[in-house]
Amino acid sequence: MEAAAEQHLQQAGLQPRARNVRYRGGELDLVMDDAGTVVFVEVRYRARSDFGGGAASVDARKCRRLAHAAQLFLQDNPELANAPCRFDVVEASGEPPQLHWLRDAFRLDDC
């Protein structure tokens, strides 16, 4: 699903930086560049949306794990240390999957 989300975001003008970056305690599905903004993208798939879409499954615990992984990514890439950052979610649901991009889906204050 990450490949489809990455392609969707590239068609919208974002450039890929990294995919499936793993750290102890967290993983970044996609890291993209949006005109100088570092975008950390969580890709969520749900076959059905009875209990909310994929973004609804990003709870406070998941948010903290993503924030921690993002901090580690920025430490590993010091050239990005002063770049603005945001957290997006790409929801995929149904068969065939329909993608929905939520820009700035959550902020660190929400975690």
C-alpha atoms as a PDB file:
ATOM      1  CA  MET A   1       0.000   0.000   0.000  1.00  0.00           C
ATOM      2  CA  GLU A   2       2.961   2.328   0.649  1.00  0.00           C
ATOM      3  CA  ALA A   3       3.952   2.208  -3.026  1.00  0.00           C
ATOM      4  CA  ALA A   4       0.474   3.310  -4.132  1.00  0.00           C
ATOM      5  CA  ALA A   5       0.460   6.089  -1.523  1.00  0.00           C
ATOM      6  CA  GLU A   6       3.916   7.241  -2.600  1.00  0.00           C
ATOM      7  CA  GLN A   7       2.825   7.369  -6.237  1.00  0.00           C
ATOM      8  CA  HIS A   8      -0.319   9.293  -5.260  1.00  0.00           C
ATOM      9  CA  LEU A   9       1.756  11.871  -3.372  1.00  0.00           C
ATOM     10  CA  GLN A  10       4.297  12.159  -6.188  1.00  0.00           C
ATOM     11  CA  GLN A  11       1.461  12.932  -8.595  1.00  0.00           C
ATOM     12  CA  ALA A  12       0.544  15.767  -6.212  1.00  0.00           C
ATOM     13  CA  GLY A  13       4.094  17.147  -6.458  1.00  0.00           C
ATOM     14  CA  LEU A  14       5.810  15.686  -3.384  1.00  0.00           C
ATOM     15  CA  GLN A  15       9.237  14.114  -3.739  1.00  0.00           C
ATOM     16  CA  PRO A  16      10.227  10.886  -1.950  1.00  0.00           C
ATOM     17  CA  ARG A  17      12.983  10.927   0.661  1.00  0.00           C
ATOM     18  CA  ALA A  18      12.643   7.509   2.314  1.00  0.00           C
ATOM     19  CA  ARG A  19      10.329   4.522   2.683  1.00  0.00           C
ATOM     20  CA  ASN A  20       9.800   2.091   5.586  1.00  0.00           C
ATOM     21  CA  VAL A  21      12.346   3.665   7.929  1.00  0.00           C
ATOM     22  CA  ARG A  22      12.495   1.539  11.078  1.00  0.00           C
ATOM     23  CA  TYR A  23      13.678   2.573  14.504  1.00  0.00           C
ATOM     24  CA  ARG A  24      13.338   0.839  17.812  1.00  0.00           C
ATOM     25  CA  GLY A  25       9.858   1.771  18.944  1.00  0.00           C
ATOM     26  CA  GLY A  26       8.568   3.190  15.675  1.00  0.00           C
ATOM     27  CA  GLU A  27       8.476   3.141  11.897  1.00  0.00           C
ATOM     28  CA  LEU A  28       7.968   5.806   9.262  1.00  0.00           C
ATOM     29  CA  ASP A  29       6.021   4.480   6.272  1.00  0.00           C
ATOM     30  CA  LEU A  30       7.050   7.324   3.962  1.00  0.00           C
ATOM     31  CA  VAL A  31       9.136  10.458   4.272  1.00  0.00           C
ATOM     32  CA  MET A  32       8.441  12.969   1.521  1.00  0.00           C
ATOM     33  CA  ASP A  33       9.504  16.500   0.617  1.00  0.00           C
ATOM     34  CA  ASP A  34       6.840  19.115  -0.106  1.00  0.00           C
ATOM     35  CA  ALA A  35       8.609  22.264  -1.314  1.00  0.00           C
ATOM     36  CA  GLY A  36      11.130  22.156   1.533  1.00  0.00           C
ATOM     37  CA  THR A  37       8.783  20.768   4.183  1.00  0.00           C
ATOM     38  CA  VAL A  38       9.662  17.315   5.498  1.00  0.00           C
ATOM     39  CA  VAL A  39       6.462  15.266   5.443  1.00  0.00           C
ATOM     40  CA  PHE A  40       6.178  12.133   7.576  1.00  0.00           C
ATOM     41  CA  VAL A  41       3.413   9.994   6.102  1.00  0.00           C
ATOM     42  CA  GLU A  42       1.516   7.239   7.881  1.00  0.00           C
ATOM     43  CA  VAL A  43      -0.261   4.898   5.454  1.00  0.00           C
ATOM     44  CA  ARG A  44      -3.337   3.217   6.935  1.00  0.00           C
ATOM     45  CA  TYR A  45      -5.494   0.574   5.259  1.00  0.00           C
ATOM     46  CA  ARG A  46      -8.922  -0.563   6.329  1.00  0.00           C
ATOM     47  CA  ALA A  47     -11.016  -2.919   4.256  1.00  0.00           C
ATOM     48  CA  ARG A  48     -14.141  -1.357   5.782  1.00  0.00           C
ATOM     49  CA  SER A  49     -14.713   2.002   7.411  1.00  0.00           C
ATOM     50  CA  ASP A  50     -17.382   0.919   9.929  1.00  0.00           C
ATOM     51  CA  PHE A  51     -15.212   2.139  12.799  1.00  0.00           C
ATOM     52  CA  GLY A  52     -13.744   5.162  11.063  1.00  0.00           C
ATOM     53  CA  GLY A  53     -11.174   5.497   8.337  1.00  0.00           C
ATOM     54  CA  GLY A  54      -7.500   4.767   8.591  1.00  0.00           C
ATOM     55  CA  ALA A  55      -6.758   8.123  10.210  1.00  0.00           C
ATOM     56  CA  ALA A  56      -9.061   7.192  13.094  1.00  0.00           C
ATOM     57  CA  SER A  57      -6.667   4.367  13.925  1.00  0.00           C
ATOM     58  CA  VAL A  58      -3.817   6.813  14.604  1.00  0.00           C
ATOM     59  CA  ASP A  59      -4.339   7.102  18.343  1.00  0.00           C
ATOM     60  CA  ALA A  60      -2.206   8.980  20.881  1.00  0.00           C
ATOM     61  CA  ARG A  61       0.137   6.009  21.340  1.00  0.00           C
ATOM     62  CA  LYS A  62       0.734   5.669  17.585  1.00  0.00           C
ATOM     63  CA  CYS A  63       1.151   9.440  17.337  1.00  0.00           C
ATOM     64  CA  ARG A  64       3.893   9.383  20.001  1.00  0.00           C
ATOM     65  CA  ARG A  65       5.670   6.522  18.220  1.00  0.00           C
ATOM     66  CA  LEU A  66       5.583   8.407  14.917  1.00  0.00           C
ATOM     67  CA  ALA A  67       6.845  11.583  16.586  1.00  0.00           C
ATOM     68  CA  HIS A  68       9.713   9.655  18.188  1.00  0.00           C
ATOM     69  CA  ALA A  69      10.658   8.024  14.873  1.00  0.00           C
ATOM     70  CA  ALA A  70      10.502  11.432  13.153  1.00  0.00           C
ATOM     71  CA  GLN A  71      12.879  12.899  15.754  1.00  0.00           C
ATOM     72  CA  LEU A  72      15.321  10.045  15.177  1.00  0.00           C
ATOM     73  CA  PHE A  73      15.064  10.504  11.405  1.00  0.00           C
ATOM     74  CA  LEU A  74      15.894  14.199  11.768  1.00  0.00           C
ATOM     75  CA  GLN A  75      18.861  13.343  14.009  1.00  0.00           C
ATOM     76  CA  ASP A  76      20.105  10.930  11.337  1.00  0.00           C
ATOM     77  CA  ASN A  77      19.652  13.632   8.676  1.00  0.00           C
ATOM     78  CA  PRO A  78      21.067  16.808  10.256  1.00  0.00           C
ATOM     79  CA  GLU A  79      20.711  18.742   6.997  1.00  0.00           C
ATOM     80  CA  LEU A  80      16.940  18.640   7.653  1.00  0.00           C
ATOM     81  CA  ALA A  81      17.143  19.760  11.294  1.00  0.00           C
ATOM     82  CA  ASN A  82      15.800  23.266  10.609  1.00  0.00           C
ATOM     83  CA  ALA A  83      13.276  22.314   7.935  1.00  0.00           C
ATOM     84  CA  PRO A  84       9.576  22.657   8.710  1.00  0.00           C
ATOM     85  CA  CYS A  85       7.860  19.299   9.270  1.00  0.00           C
ATOM     86  CA  ARG A  86       4.344  17.937   9.215  1.00  0.00           C
ATOM     87  CA  PHE A  87       2.537  14.637   9.678  1.00  0.00           C
ATOM     88  CA  ASP A  88       0.162  13.434   6.963  1.00  0.00           C
ATOM     89  CA  VAL A  89      -1.969  10.311   6.702  1.00  0.00           C
ATOM     90  CA  VAL A  90      -2.911   8.490   3.522  1.00  0.00           C
ATOM     91  CA  GLU A  91      -5.995   6.360   4.083  1.00  0.00           C
ATOM     92  CA  ALA A  92      -6.704   3.422   1.835  1.00  0.00           C
ATOM     93  CA  SER A  93     -10.038   1.662   2.043  1.00  0.00           C
ATOM     94  CA  GLY A  94     -12.190  -0.689   0.032  1.00  0.00           C
ATOM     95  CA  GLU A  95     -11.466  -3.015  -2.856  1.00  0.00           C
ATOM     96  CA  PRO A  96      -9.900  -1.833  -5.019  1.00  0.00           C
ATOM     97  CA  PRO A  97      -8.381   0.577  -2.489  1.00  0.00           C
ATOM     98  CA  GLN A  98      -9.341   4.219  -2.743  1.00  0.00           C
ATOM     99  CA  LEU A  99      -6.703   6.636  -1.421  1.00  0.00           C
ATOM    100  CA  HIS A 100      -7.495   9.727   0.609  1.00  0.00           C
ATOM    101  CA  TRP A 101      -4.677  12.100   1.592  1.00  0.00           C
ATOM    102  CA  LEU A 102      -5.029  14.023   4.851  1.00  0.00           C
ATOM    103  CA  ARG A 103      -2.493  16.845   4.937  1.00  0.00           C
ATOM    104  CA  ASP A 104      -1.332  17.930   8.376  1.00  0.00           C
ATOM    105  CA  ALA A 105      -3.433  15.128   9.888  1.00  0.00           C
ATOM    106  CA  PHE A 106      -2.083  15.671  13.383  1.00  0.00           C
ATOM    107  CA  ARG A 107       0.381  17.830  15.270  1.00  0.00           C
ATOM    108  CA  LEU A 108       2.822  16.965  18.006  1.00  0.00           C
ATOM    109  CA  ASP A 109       0.574  18.831  20.451  1.00  0.00           C
ATOM    110  CA  ASP A 110      -2.092  16.185  19.739  1.00  0.00           C
ATOM    111  CA  CYS A 111       0.128  13.324  20.922  1.00  0.00           C
END
